[in-house]
Amino acid sequence: MSWNFQSVAVVGSGAVGLYYGGRLAAAGEDVRFLLRSDYESISQNGLVATSVHGDFRVAKPHIARSSADIGPVDLVIVAWKATANHQLAEVLGPLLHAGTQLITLQNGLGNCEQLAEIVGPERVFGALCFVCINRLSPGVINHSAGGRMTLGEWRPQGTNRHLELERRFKAAGIHAVAVDDLEKSQWEKLVWNIPFNGLSVASGGVTTDVLLANRESEMEMRQLMAEVIAAARALGFDLGDELIDSNIERTRPMGPYRTSSMIDFVEGRDVEVTPIWEEPLRRAAVAGVAMPHTAALLERIRARISAGR
């Protein structure tokens, strides 16, 4: 089965959706953004991005307030937070035709499964975005570091469709890397997300440089990373111990970076607790692996959220 997409819808036009969708649109792809709060501003001013990989602007992006106004497309990029996934079936319906494929850029575990329940596993891709992006104002984003997107089929069909995604994304200036084992890559990203996102919230809303400046918090990060690697190995994903040092060292140059969970926390939005911490803990328990540091971190996150910041 060969596959080629001509039209794209971006569901969740925050920093990540605007950046990757904007790159595709700036390269001439037919991209349609589902927008709500930023609709008027982007309608008037377009989409503007400052980026370490080259600034870009989309003067007149194709935007809509509802998926019904977008209509069926060949590829749907799901870029909203997983906390909105209860709306997936309703929002995705008007975007689908018989051959529509979907790719989720969401953090954590369980998101591909939710998409698969709606459209079937053979139509689902996942991607992990290793990138520092912040939304500065409506329609204005800043990309300060990283940008690699690791992508793969949720349940490979032997068709190499992920290679076509890689090719088209690369043509748009996106550092896309196709992988054959998506779940392994999901656990690899959790090696960063569980400690950095978690401690940024549990500590009351602090940036990554503050966490790394504290010897005790760095030690806790390393313990958390080791637990994630152990759980992944028990589930059959061969992650290496070198990921601990590499994740720490690649974060230092980011400076006062605000993790996505920290931003949600300090701005009063729901934090992606289930896919980033609860689901990995559940799967580790099924595999017979204890993650005591991660479990303790989850309790601190819950307590901090319950305390009302």
C-alpha atoms as a PDB file:
ATOM      1  CA  MET A   1       0.000   0.000   0.000  1.00  0.00           C
ATOM      2  CA  SER A   2       1.492   3.314  -1.092  1.00  0.00           C
ATOM      3  CA  TRP A   3       0.302   6.520   0.483  1.00  0.00           C
ATOM      4  CA  ASN A   4       0.628  10.186  -0.303  1.00  0.00           C
ATOM      5  CA  PHE A   5      -1.081  13.095   1.434  1.00  0.00           C
ATOM      6  CA  GLN A   6      -2.301  16.289  -0.229  1.00  0.00           C
ATOM      7  CA  SER A   7      -4.169  18.026   2.595  1.00  0.00           C
ATOM      8  CA  VAL A   8      -3.398  18.405   6.293  1.00  0.00           C
ATOM      9  CA  ALA A   9      -5.428  19.521   9.313  1.00  0.00           C
ATOM     10  CA  VAL A  10      -3.761  20.617  12.544  1.00  0.00           C
ATOM     11  CA  VAL A  11      -5.881  19.946  15.623  1.00  0.00           C
ATOM     12  CA  GLY A  12      -4.429  21.857  18.539  1.00  0.00           C
ATOM     13  CA  SER A  13      -2.869  25.027  17.198  1.00  0.00           C
ATOM     14  CA  GLY A  14      -0.732  25.933  20.181  1.00  0.00           C
ATOM     15  CA  ALA A  15       3.038  26.346  20.071  1.00  0.00           C
ATOM     16  CA  VAL A  16       3.804  22.849  18.772  1.00  0.00           C
ATOM     17  CA  GLY A  17       0.956  22.702  16.265  1.00  0.00           C
ATOM     18  CA  LEU A  18       1.687  26.172  14.920  1.00  0.00           C
ATOM     19  CA  TYR A  19       5.385  25.446  14.559  1.00  0.00           C
ATOM     20  CA  TYR A  20       5.223  22.119  12.726  1.00  0.00           C
ATOM     21  CA  GLY A  21       2.057  22.979  10.828  1.00  0.00           C
ATOM     22  CA  GLY A  22       3.517  26.379  10.020  1.00  0.00           C
ATOM     23  CA  ARG A  23       6.671  24.812   8.605  1.00  0.00           C
ATOM     24  CA  LEU A  24       4.544  22.632   6.322  1.00  0.00           C
ATOM     25  CA  ALA A  25       2.384  25.581   5.258  1.00  0.00           C
ATOM     26  CA  ALA A  26       5.407  27.799   4.599  1.00  0.00           C
ATOM     27  CA  ALA A  27       6.755  25.041   2.335  1.00  0.00           C
ATOM     28  CA  GLY A  28       3.588  25.127   0.257  1.00  0.00           C
ATOM     29  CA  GLU A  29       1.631  22.248   1.762  1.00  0.00           C
ATOM     30  CA  ASP A  30      -2.163  22.563   2.051  1.00  0.00           C
ATOM     31  CA  VAL A  31      -2.444  22.975   5.829  1.00  0.00           C
ATOM     32  CA  ARG A  32      -5.637  23.914   7.660  1.00  0.00           C
ATOM     33  CA  PHE A  33      -5.443  25.009  11.280  1.00  0.00           C
ATOM     34  CA  LEU A  34      -8.282  24.433  13.742  1.00  0.00           C
ATOM     35  CA  LEU A  35      -8.291  27.560  15.913  1.00  0.00           C
ATOM     36  CA  ARG A  36     -10.399  28.958  18.673  1.00  0.00           C
ATOM     37  CA  SER A  37      -8.994  31.663  20.954  1.00  0.00           C
ATOM     38  CA  ASP A  38      -6.380  32.946  18.467  1.00  0.00           C
ATOM     39  CA  TYR A  39      -8.619  33.001  15.405  1.00  0.00           C
ATOM     40  CA  GLU A  40      -9.091  36.772  15.095  1.00  0.00           C
ATOM     41  CA  SER A  41      -5.425  37.614  15.699  1.00  0.00           C
ATOM     42  CA  ILE A  42      -4.072  35.053  13.233  1.00  0.00           C
ATOM     43  CA  SER A  43      -6.710  36.041  10.691  1.00  0.00           C
ATOM     44  CA  GLN A  44      -5.406  39.613  10.818  1.00  0.00           C
ATOM     45  CA  ASN A  45      -1.683  39.105  11.397  1.00  0.00           C
ATOM     46  CA  GLY A  46      -0.867  35.638  10.140  1.00  0.00           C
ATOM     47  CA  LEU A  47       1.488  33.166  11.766  1.00  0.00           C
ATOM     48  CA  VAL A  48       4.973  34.342  12.728  1.00  0.00           C
ATOM     49  CA  ALA A  49       7.815  32.185  14.042  1.00  0.00           C
ATOM     50  CA  THR A  50      11.319  33.063  15.145  1.00  0.00           C
ATOM     51  CA  SER A  51      13.441  29.939  14.963  1.00  0.00           C
ATOM     52  CA  VAL A  52      17.001  28.758  15.408  1.00  0.00           C
ATOM     53  CA  HIS A  53      16.444  26.890  12.135  1.00  0.00           C
ATOM     54  CA  GLY A  54      15.314  30.008  10.277  1.00  0.00           C
ATOM     55  CA  ASP A  55      12.413  32.386  10.875  1.00  0.00           C
ATOM     56  CA  PHE A  56       9.251  32.008   8.828  1.00  0.00           C
ATOM     57  CA  ARG A  57       5.879  33.653   8.355  1.00  0.00           C
ATOM     58  CA  VAL A  58       2.615  32.432   6.898  1.00  0.00           C
ATOM     59  CA  ALA A  59       0.759  35.595   5.959  1.00  0.00           C
ATOM     60  CA  LYS A  60      -2.626  34.048   5.209  1.00  0.00           C
ATOM     61  CA  PRO A  61      -2.876  30.618   6.814  1.00  0.00           C
ATOM     62  CA  HIS A  62      -5.980  28.525   6.178  1.00  0.00           C
ATOM     63  CA  ILE A  63      -7.770  28.725   9.536  1.00  0.00           C
ATOM     64  CA  ALA A  64     -11.138  27.579  10.813  1.00  0.00           C
ATOM     65  CA  ARG A  65     -13.081  27.651  14.058  1.00  0.00           C
ATOM     66  CA  SER A  66     -14.530  24.168  13.646  1.00  0.00           C
ATOM     67  CA  SER A  67     -13.462  20.924  12.024  1.00  0.00           C
ATOM     68  CA  ALA A  68     -16.687  20.973  10.019  1.00  0.00           C
ATOM     69  CA  ASP A  69     -15.399  24.143   8.333  1.00  0.00           C
ATOM     70  CA  ILE A  70     -12.181  22.302   7.402  1.00  0.00           C
ATOM     71  CA  GLY A  71     -13.719  19.136   6.025  1.00  0.00           C
ATOM     72  CA  PRO A  72     -12.065  15.810   5.168  1.00  0.00           C
ATOM     73  CA  VAL A  73      -8.273  15.797   4.793  1.00  0.00           C
ATOM     74  CA  ASP A  74      -5.603  13.196   4.064  1.00  0.00           C
ATOM     75  CA  LEU A  75      -3.552  13.731   7.239  1.00  0.00           C
ATOM     76  CA  VAL A  76      -4.611  14.961  10.668  1.00  0.00           C
ATOM     77  CA  ILE A  77      -1.908  16.202  13.042  1.00  0.00           C
ATOM     78  CA  VAL A  78      -3.120  16.001  16.641  1.00  0.00           C
ATOM     79  CA  ALA A  79      -1.091  18.567  18.580  1.00  0.00           C
ATOM     80  CA  TRP A  80      -3.325  19.567  21.454  1.00  0.00           C
ATOM     81  CA  LYS A  81      -2.661  18.444  25.019  1.00  0.00           C
ATOM     82  CA  ALA A  82      -3.779  14.934  25.893  1.00  0.00           C
ATOM     83  CA  THR A  83      -6.088  16.445  28.510  1.00  0.00           C
ATOM     84  CA  ALA A  84      -8.404  17.352  25.594  1.00  0.00           C
ATOM     85  CA  ASN A  85      -8.570  13.819  24.198  1.00  0.00           C
ATOM     86  CA  HIS A  86     -12.128  13.302  25.452  1.00  0.00           C
ATOM     87  CA  GLN A  87     -13.111  15.554  22.522  1.00  0.00           C
ATOM     88  CA  LEU A  88     -11.262  13.507  19.894  1.00  0.00           C
ATOM     89  CA  ALA A  89     -14.172  11.603  18.375  1.00  0.00           C
ATOM     90  CA  GLU A  90     -16.342  14.706  18.026  1.00  0.00           C
ATOM     91  CA  VAL A  91     -13.614  16.911  16.565  1.00  0.00           C
ATOM     92  CA  LEU A  92     -12.059  14.314  14.271  1.00  0.00           C
ATOM     93  CA  GLY A  93     -15.290  13.123  12.661  1.00  0.00           C
ATOM     94  CA  PRO A  94     -15.642  15.866  10.005  1.00  0.00           C
ATOM     95  CA  LEU A  95     -11.926  15.612   9.133  1.00  0.00           C
ATOM     96  CA  LEU A  96     -11.993  11.955   8.134  1.00  0.00           C
ATOM     97  CA  HIS A  97     -12.446  10.201   4.838  1.00  0.00           C
ATOM     98  CA  ALA A  98     -11.834   6.508   4.154  1.00  0.00           C
ATOM     99  CA  GLY A  99      -8.068   6.968   3.747  1.00  0.00           C
ATOM    100  CA  THR A 100      -7.315   9.668   6.318  1.00  0.00           C
ATOM    101  CA  GLN A 101      -4.224   8.983   8.404  1.00  0.00           C
ATOM    102  CA  LEU A 102      -3.594  10.535  11.824  1.00  0.00           C
ATOM    103  CA  ILE A 103      -0.400  11.394  13.667  1.00  0.00           C
ATOM    104  CA  THR A 104      -0.289  12.439  17.302  1.00  0.00           C
ATOM    105  CA  LEU A 105       2.495  14.717  18.551  1.00  0.00           C
ATOM    106  CA  GLN A 106       1.333  14.349  22.156  1.00  0.00           C
ATOM    107  CA  ASN A 107       3.428  13.544  25.189  1.00  0.00           C
ATOM    108  CA  GLY A 108       3.367  10.286  27.097  1.00  0.00           C
ATOM    109  CA  LEU A 109       1.645   6.954  26.580  1.00  0.00           C
ATOM    110  CA  GLY A 110      -1.873   5.957  25.582  1.00  0.00           C
ATOM    111  CA  ASN A 111      -2.581   8.604  22.942  1.00  0.00           C
ATOM    112  CA  CYS A 112      -2.117   6.312  19.950  1.00  0.00           C
ATOM    113  CA  GLU A 113      -4.472   3.825  21.560  1.00  0.00           C
ATOM    114  CA  GLN A 114      -7.161   6.496  21.876  1.00  0.00           C
ATOM    115  CA  LEU A 115      -6.844   7.409  18.212  1.00  0.00           C
ATOM    116  CA  ALA A 116      -6.873   3.739  17.241  1.00  0.00           C
ATOM    117  CA  GLU A 117     -10.200   3.268  19.010  1.00  0.00           C
ATOM    118  CA  ILE A 118     -11.694   5.883  16.685  1.00  0.00           C
ATOM    119  CA  VAL A 119     -10.120   5.084  13.311  1.00  0.00           C
ATOM    120  CA  GLY A 120      -8.386   1.728  13.727  1.00  0.00           C
ATOM    121  CA  PRO A 121      -4.722   1.058  14.545  1.00  0.00           C
ATOM    122  CA  GLU A 122      -3.610   0.813  10.902  1.00  0.00           C
ATOM    123  CA  ARG A 123      -4.286   4.535  10.364  1.00  0.00           C
ATOM    124  CA  VAL A 124      -2.361   5.861  13.358  1.00  0.00           C
ATOM    125  CA  PHE A 125       1.143   7.310  13.559  1.00  0.00           C
ATOM    126  CA  GLY A 126       2.910   8.758  16.557  1.00  0.00           C
ATOM    127  CA  ALA A 127       5.643  11.362  16.810  1.00  0.00           C
ATOM    128  CA  LEU A 128       7.894  12.597  19.585  1.00  0.00           C
ATOM    129  CA  CYS A 129       8.973  16.224  19.316  1.00  0.00           C
ATOM    130  CA  PHE A 130      12.285  17.028  20.992  1.00  0.00           C
ATOM    131  CA  VAL A 131      11.976  20.781  20.778  1.00  0.00           C
ATOM    132  CA  CYS A 132      11.884  23.997  22.814  1.00  0.00           C
ATOM    133  CA  ILE A 133       8.951  26.080  21.586  1.00  0.00           C
ATOM    134  CA  ASN A 134       6.933  28.729  23.385  1.00  0.00           C
ATOM    135  CA  ARG A 135       3.915  30.714  22.261  1.00  0.00           C
ATOM    136  CA  LEU A 136       4.747  34.360  22.895  1.00  0.00           C
ATOM    137  CA  SER A 137       1.360  35.782  21.887  1.00  0.00           C
ATOM    138  CA  PRO A 138      -1.501  34.796  19.576  1.00  0.00           C
ATOM    139  CA  GLY A 139       0.045  33.560  16.334  1.00  0.00           C
ATOM    140  CA  VAL A 140       3.592  34.323  17.474  1.00  0.00           C
ATOM    141  CA  ILE A 141       5.933  31.501  18.503  1.00  0.00           C
ATOM    142  CA  ASN A 142       9.588  31.222  19.393  1.00  0.00           C
ATOM    143  CA  HIS A 143      11.616  28.101  18.631  1.00  0.00           C
ATOM    144  CA  SER A 144      14.782  28.323  20.723  1.00  0.00           C
ATOM    145  CA  ALA A 145      16.362  24.850  20.533  1.00  0.00           C
ATOM    146  CA  GLY A 146      15.974  21.334  19.174  1.00  0.00           C
ATOM    147  CA  GLY A 147      13.322  20.488  16.632  1.00  0.00           C
ATOM    148  CA  ARG A 148      13.832  16.788  15.936  1.00  0.00           C
ATOM    149  CA  MET A 149      10.634  14.834  15.329  1.00  0.00           C
ATOM    150  CA  THR A 150      10.864  11.053  15.693  1.00  0.00           C
ATOM    151  CA  LEU A 151       7.913   9.416  13.968  1.00  0.00           C
ATOM    152  CA  GLY A 152       6.626   5.962  13.244  1.00  0.00           C
ATOM    153  CA  GLU A 153       3.558   3.836  12.582  1.00  0.00           C
ATOM    154  CA  TRP A 154       1.641   2.773  15.670  1.00  0.00           C
ATOM    155  CA  ARG A 155       1.093  -0.689  14.250  1.00  0.00           C
ATOM    156  CA  PRO A 156       3.431  -1.070  11.249  1.00  0.00           C
ATOM    157  CA  GLN A 157       1.767  -2.332   8.077  1.00  0.00           C
ATOM    158  CA  GLY A 158       4.972  -3.030   6.136  1.00  0.00           C
ATOM    159  CA  THR A 159       4.186  -0.150   3.763  1.00  0.00           C
ATOM    160  CA  ASN A 160       6.909   2.380   4.679  1.00  0.00           C
ATOM    161  CA  ARG A 161       4.314   5.129   5.015  1.00  0.00           C
ATOM    162  CA  HIS A 162       6.410   6.621   7.802  1.00  0.00           C
ATOM    163  CA  LEU A 163       9.200   7.157   5.273  1.00  0.00           C
ATOM    164  CA  GLU A 164       6.862   9.295   3.140  1.00  0.00           C
ATOM    165  CA  LEU A 165       6.004  11.379   6.203  1.00  0.00           C
ATOM    166  CA  GLU A 166       9.698  11.759   6.950  1.00  0.00           C
ATOM    167  CA  ARG A 167      10.413  12.857   3.386  1.00  0.00           C
ATOM    168  CA  ARG A 168       7.653  15.461   3.265  1.00  0.00           C
ATOM    169  CA  PHE A 169       8.425  16.842   6.702  1.00  0.00           C
ATOM    170  CA  LYS A 170      12.126  17.111   5.853  1.00  0.00           C
ATOM    171  CA  ALA A 171      11.239  18.981   2.675  1.00  0.00           C
ATOM    172  CA  ALA A 172       9.501  21.533   4.903  1.00  0.00           C
ATOM    173  CA  GLY A 173      12.612  22.072   7.021  1.00  0.00           C
ATOM    174  CA  ILE A 174      11.564  19.774   9.852  1.00  0.00           C
ATOM    175  CA  HIS A 175      14.223  17.499  11.324  1.00  0.00           C
ATOM    176  CA  ALA A 176      12.127  14.353  10.943  1.00  0.00           C
ATOM    177  CA  VAL A 177      13.481  10.874  11.696  1.00  0.00           C
ATOM    178  CA  ALA A 178      11.420   7.793  10.835  1.00  0.00           C
ATOM    179  CA  VAL A 179      11.729   4.850  13.247  1.00  0.00           C
ATOM    180  CA  ASP A 180      10.497   1.286  13.087  1.00  0.00           C
ATOM    181  CA  ASP A 181       9.795   0.986  16.845  1.00  0.00           C
ATOM    182  CA  LEU A 182       7.569   3.868  17.918  1.00  0.00           C
ATOM    183  CA  GLU A 183       6.937   2.577  21.452  1.00  0.00           C
ATOM    184  CA  LYS A 184      10.652   2.444  22.174  1.00  0.00           C
ATOM    185  CA  SER A 185      10.919   6.083  21.128  1.00  0.00           C
ATOM    186  CA  GLN A 186       7.973   6.970  23.373  1.00  0.00           C
ATOM    187  CA  TRP A 187       9.784   5.520  26.378  1.00  0.00           C
ATOM    188  CA  GLU A 188      12.979   7.272  25.337  1.00  0.00           C
ATOM    189  CA  LYS A 189      11.227  10.631  25.468  1.00  0.00           C
ATOM    190  CA  LEU A 190       9.774   9.772  28.878  1.00  0.00           C
ATOM    191  CA  VAL A 191      13.358   9.627  30.165  1.00  0.00           C
ATOM    192  CA  TRP A 192      13.277  13.434  29.823  1.00  0.00           C
ATOM    193  CA  ASN A 193       9.606  14.185  30.343  1.00  0.00           C
ATOM    194  CA  ILE A 194       9.023  12.318  33.588  1.00  0.00           C
ATOM    195  CA  PRO A 195      11.748  14.115  35.582  1.00  0.00           C
ATOM    196  CA  PHE A 196      11.845  17.550  33.957  1.00  0.00           C
ATOM    197  CA  ASN A 197       8.125  18.074  33.460  1.00  0.00           C
ATOM    198  CA  GLY A 198       7.404  16.451  36.799  1.00  0.00           C
ATOM    199  CA  LEU A 199       9.877  18.330  38.961  1.00  0.00           C
ATOM    200  CA  SER A 200       9.055  21.637  37.300  1.00  0.00           C
ATOM    201  CA  VAL A 201       5.491  21.212  38.599  1.00  0.00           C
ATOM    202  CA  ALA A 202       6.260  19.498  41.908  1.00  0.00           C
ATOM    203  CA  SER A 203       8.675  22.323  42.769  1.00  0.00           C
ATOM    204  CA  GLY A 204       5.968  24.919  42.307  1.00  0.00           C
ATOM    205  CA  GLY A 205       6.601  26.004  38.734  1.00  0.00           C
ATOM    206  CA  VAL A 206      10.335  26.342  38.101  1.00  0.00           C
ATOM    207  CA  THR A 207      12.440  26.344  34.944  1.00  0.00           C
ATOM    208  CA  THR A 208      14.922  23.670  33.922  1.00  0.00           C
ATOM    209  CA  ASP A 209      17.978  25.785  34.782  1.00  0.00           C
ATOM    210  CA  VAL A 210      16.772  26.099  38.373  1.00  0.00           C
ATOM    211  CA  LEU A 211      16.330  22.344  38.616  1.00  0.00           C
ATOM    212  CA  LEU A 212      19.811  21.676  37.237  1.00  0.00           C
ATOM    213  CA  ALA A 213      21.425  24.260  39.507  1.00  0.00           C
ATOM    214  CA  ASN A 214      20.342  22.233  42.543  1.00  0.00           C
ATOM    215  CA  ARG A 215      22.487  19.175  43.233  1.00  0.00           C
ATOM    216  CA  GLU A 216      19.703  17.326  45.037  1.00  0.00           C
ATOM    217  CA  SER A 217      17.179  17.855  42.242  1.00  0.00           C
ATOM    218  CA  GLU A 218      19.721  16.736  39.645  1.00  0.00           C
ATOM    219  CA  MET A 219      20.322  13.569  41.651  1.00  0.00           C
ATOM    220  CA  GLU A 220      16.561  12.986  41.799  1.00  0.00           C
ATOM    221  CA  MET A 221      16.361  13.462  38.027  1.00  0.00           C
ATOM    222  CA  ARG A 222      18.991  10.803  37.521  1.00  0.00           C
ATOM    223  CA  GLN A 223      17.119   8.391  39.797  1.00  0.00           C
ATOM    224  CA  LEU A 224      13.891   9.018  37.916  1.00  0.00           C
ATOM    225  CA  MET A 225      15.578   8.504  34.556  1.00  0.00           C
ATOM    226  CA  ALA A 226      17.093   5.230  35.741  1.00  0.00           C
ATOM    227  CA  GLU A 227      13.616   4.008  36.727  1.00  0.00           C
ATOM    228  CA  VAL A 228      12.177   4.879  33.317  1.00  0.00           C
ATOM    229  CA  ILE A 229      15.008   3.035  31.576  1.00  0.00           C
ATOM    230  CA  ALA A 230      14.503  -0.023  33.806  1.00  0.00           C
ATOM    231  CA  ALA A 231      10.766  -0.070  33.103  1.00  0.00           C
ATOM    232  CA  ALA A 232      11.335   0.266  29.368  1.00  0.00           C
ATOM    233  CA  ARG A 233      13.785  -2.631  29.405  1.00  0.00           C
ATOM    234  CA  ALA A 234      11.324  -4.823  31.285  1.00  0.00           C
ATOM    235  CA  LEU A 235       8.804  -4.111  28.527  1.00  0.00           C
ATOM    236  CA  GLY A 236      11.295  -5.131  25.847  1.00  0.00           C
ATOM    237  CA  PHE A 237      12.702  -1.753  24.804  1.00  0.00           C
ATOM    238  CA  ASP A 238      16.480  -1.651  25.001  1.00  0.00           C
ATOM    239  CA  LEU A 239      17.261   1.849  26.269  1.00  0.00           C
ATOM    240  CA  GLY A 240      20.834   2.621  27.264  1.00  0.00           C
ATOM    241  CA  ASP A 241      22.108   4.151  30.496  1.00  0.00           C
ATOM    242  CA  GLU A 242      23.885   6.836  28.462  1.00  0.00           C
ATOM    243  CA  LEU A 243      20.479   8.511  28.040  1.00  0.00           C
ATOM    244  CA  ILE A 244      20.799   9.828  31.588  1.00  0.00           C
ATOM    245  CA  ASP A 245      23.900  11.931  30.958  1.00  0.00           C
ATOM    246  CA  SER A 246      22.827  12.932  27.449  1.00  0.00           C
ATOM    247  CA  ASN A 247      19.432  14.198  28.619  1.00  0.00           C
ATOM    248  CA  ILE A 248      20.991  16.184  31.443  1.00  0.00           C
ATOM    249  CA  GLU A 249      23.686  17.713  29.268  1.00  0.00           C
ATOM    250  CA  ARG A 250      21.431  18.625  26.354  1.00  0.00           C
ATOM    251  CA  THR A 251      19.134  20.460  28.755  1.00  0.00           C
ATOM    252  CA  ARG A 252      21.782  22.713  30.321  1.00  0.00           C
ATOM    253  CA  PRO A 253      22.150  24.978  27.254  1.00  0.00           C
ATOM    254  CA  MET A 254      18.381  25.556  27.166  1.00  0.00           C
ATOM    255  CA  GLY A 255      18.710  28.076  29.986  1.00  0.00           C
ATOM    256  CA  PRO A 256      15.513  29.043  31.834  1.00  0.00           C
ATOM    257  CA  TYR A 257      13.291  26.759  29.793  1.00  0.00           C
ATOM    258  CA  ARG A 258       9.660  26.393  30.830  1.00  0.00           C
ATOM    259  CA  THR A 259       8.464  22.826  30.361  1.00  0.00           C
ATOM    260  CA  SER A 260       5.035  22.298  28.829  1.00  0.00           C
ATOM    261  CA  SER A 261       3.690  20.920  32.123  1.00  0.00           C
ATOM    262  CA  MET A 262       5.083  23.893  34.040  1.00  0.00           C
ATOM    263  CA  ILE A 263       3.337  26.309  31.665  1.00  0.00           C
ATOM    264  CA  ASP A 264       0.038  24.461  32.070  1.00  0.00           C
ATOM    265  CA  PHE A 265       0.476  24.426  35.848  1.00  0.00           C
ATOM    266  CA  VAL A 266       1.303  28.119  36.353  1.00  0.00           C
ATOM    267  CA  GLU A 267      -1.380  29.219  33.880  1.00  0.00           C
ATOM    268  CA  GLY A 268      -4.049  27.170  35.624  1.00  0.00           C
ATOM    269  CA  ARG A 269      -4.661  24.594  32.881  1.00  0.00           C
ATOM    270  CA  ASP A 270      -4.949  20.841  33.330  1.00  0.00           C
ATOM    271  CA  VAL A 271      -1.588  19.065  33.486  1.00  0.00           C
ATOM    272  CA  GLU A 272      -1.063  15.886  31.416  1.00  0.00           C
ATOM    273  CA  VAL A 273      -0.803  13.709  34.503  1.00  0.00           C
ATOM    274  CA  THR A 274      -2.220  10.505  33.052  1.00  0.00           C
ATOM    275  CA  PRO A 275      -0.068  10.007  29.907  1.00  0.00           C
ATOM    276  CA  ILE A 276       3.226  11.254  31.382  1.00  0.00           C
ATOM    277  CA  TRP A 277       3.208   9.677  34.861  1.00  0.00           C
ATOM    278  CA  GLU A 278       0.179   7.489  35.577  1.00  0.00           C
ATOM    279  CA  GLU A 279       0.251   5.349  32.428  1.00  0.00           C
ATOM    280  CA  PRO A 280       4.012   4.623  32.537  1.00  0.00           C
ATOM    281  CA  LEU A 281       3.646   3.621  36.192  1.00  0.00           C
ATOM    282  CA  ARG A 282       0.739   1.333  35.325  1.00  0.00           C
ATOM    283  CA  ARG A 283       2.649  -0.383  32.513  1.00  0.00           C
ATOM    284  CA  ALA A 284       5.744  -0.779  34.659  1.00  0.00           C
ATOM    285  CA  ALA A 285       3.640  -2.416  37.389  1.00  0.00           C
ATOM    286  CA  VAL A 286       2.188  -4.868  34.852  1.00  0.00           C
ATOM    287  CA  ALA A 287       5.780  -5.739  33.879  1.00  0.00           C
ATOM    288  CA  GLY A 288       6.651  -6.279  37.552  1.00  0.00           C
ATOM    289  CA  VAL A 289       8.918  -3.233  37.843  1.00  0.00           C
ATOM    290  CA  ALA A 290       8.689  -0.852  40.786  1.00  0.00           C
ATOM    291  CA  MET A 291       9.206   2.876  40.168  1.00  0.00           C
ATOM    292  CA  PRO A 292       9.212   4.287  43.729  1.00  0.00           C
ATOM    293  CA  HIS A 293      10.797   7.643  42.849  1.00  0.00           C
ATOM    294  CA  THR A 294       8.313   8.156  40.008  1.00  0.00           C
ATOM    295  CA  ALA A 295       5.391   7.172  42.245  1.00  0.00           C
ATOM    296  CA  ALA A 296       6.550   9.631  44.905  1.00  0.00           C
ATOM    297  CA  LEU A 297       6.930  12.358  42.274  1.00  0.00           C
ATOM    298  CA  LEU A 298       3.393  11.713  41.050  1.00  0.00           C
ATOM    299  CA  GLU A 299       2.053  12.198  44.577  1.00  0.00           C
ATOM    300  CA  ARG A 300       3.934  15.500  44.854  1.00  0.00           C
ATOM    301  CA  ILE A 301       2.507  16.635  41.518  1.00  0.00           C
ATOM    302  CA  ARG A 302      -1.027  15.758  42.609  1.00  0.00           C
ATOM    303  CA  ALA A 303      -0.550  17.538  45.925  1.00  0.00           C
ATOM    304  CA  ARG A 304       0.809  20.662  44.236  1.00  0.00           C
ATOM    305  CA  ILE A 305      -2.102  20.766  41.789  1.00  0.00           C
ATOM    306  CA  SER A 306      -4.642  20.160  44.548  1.00  0.00           C
ATOM    307  CA  ALA A 307      -3.124  22.940  46.640  1.00  0.00           C
ATOM    308  CA  GLY A 308      -4.109  25.380  43.942  1.00  0.00           C
ATOM    309  CA  ARG A 309      -0.599  26.497  43.082  1.00  0.00           C
END
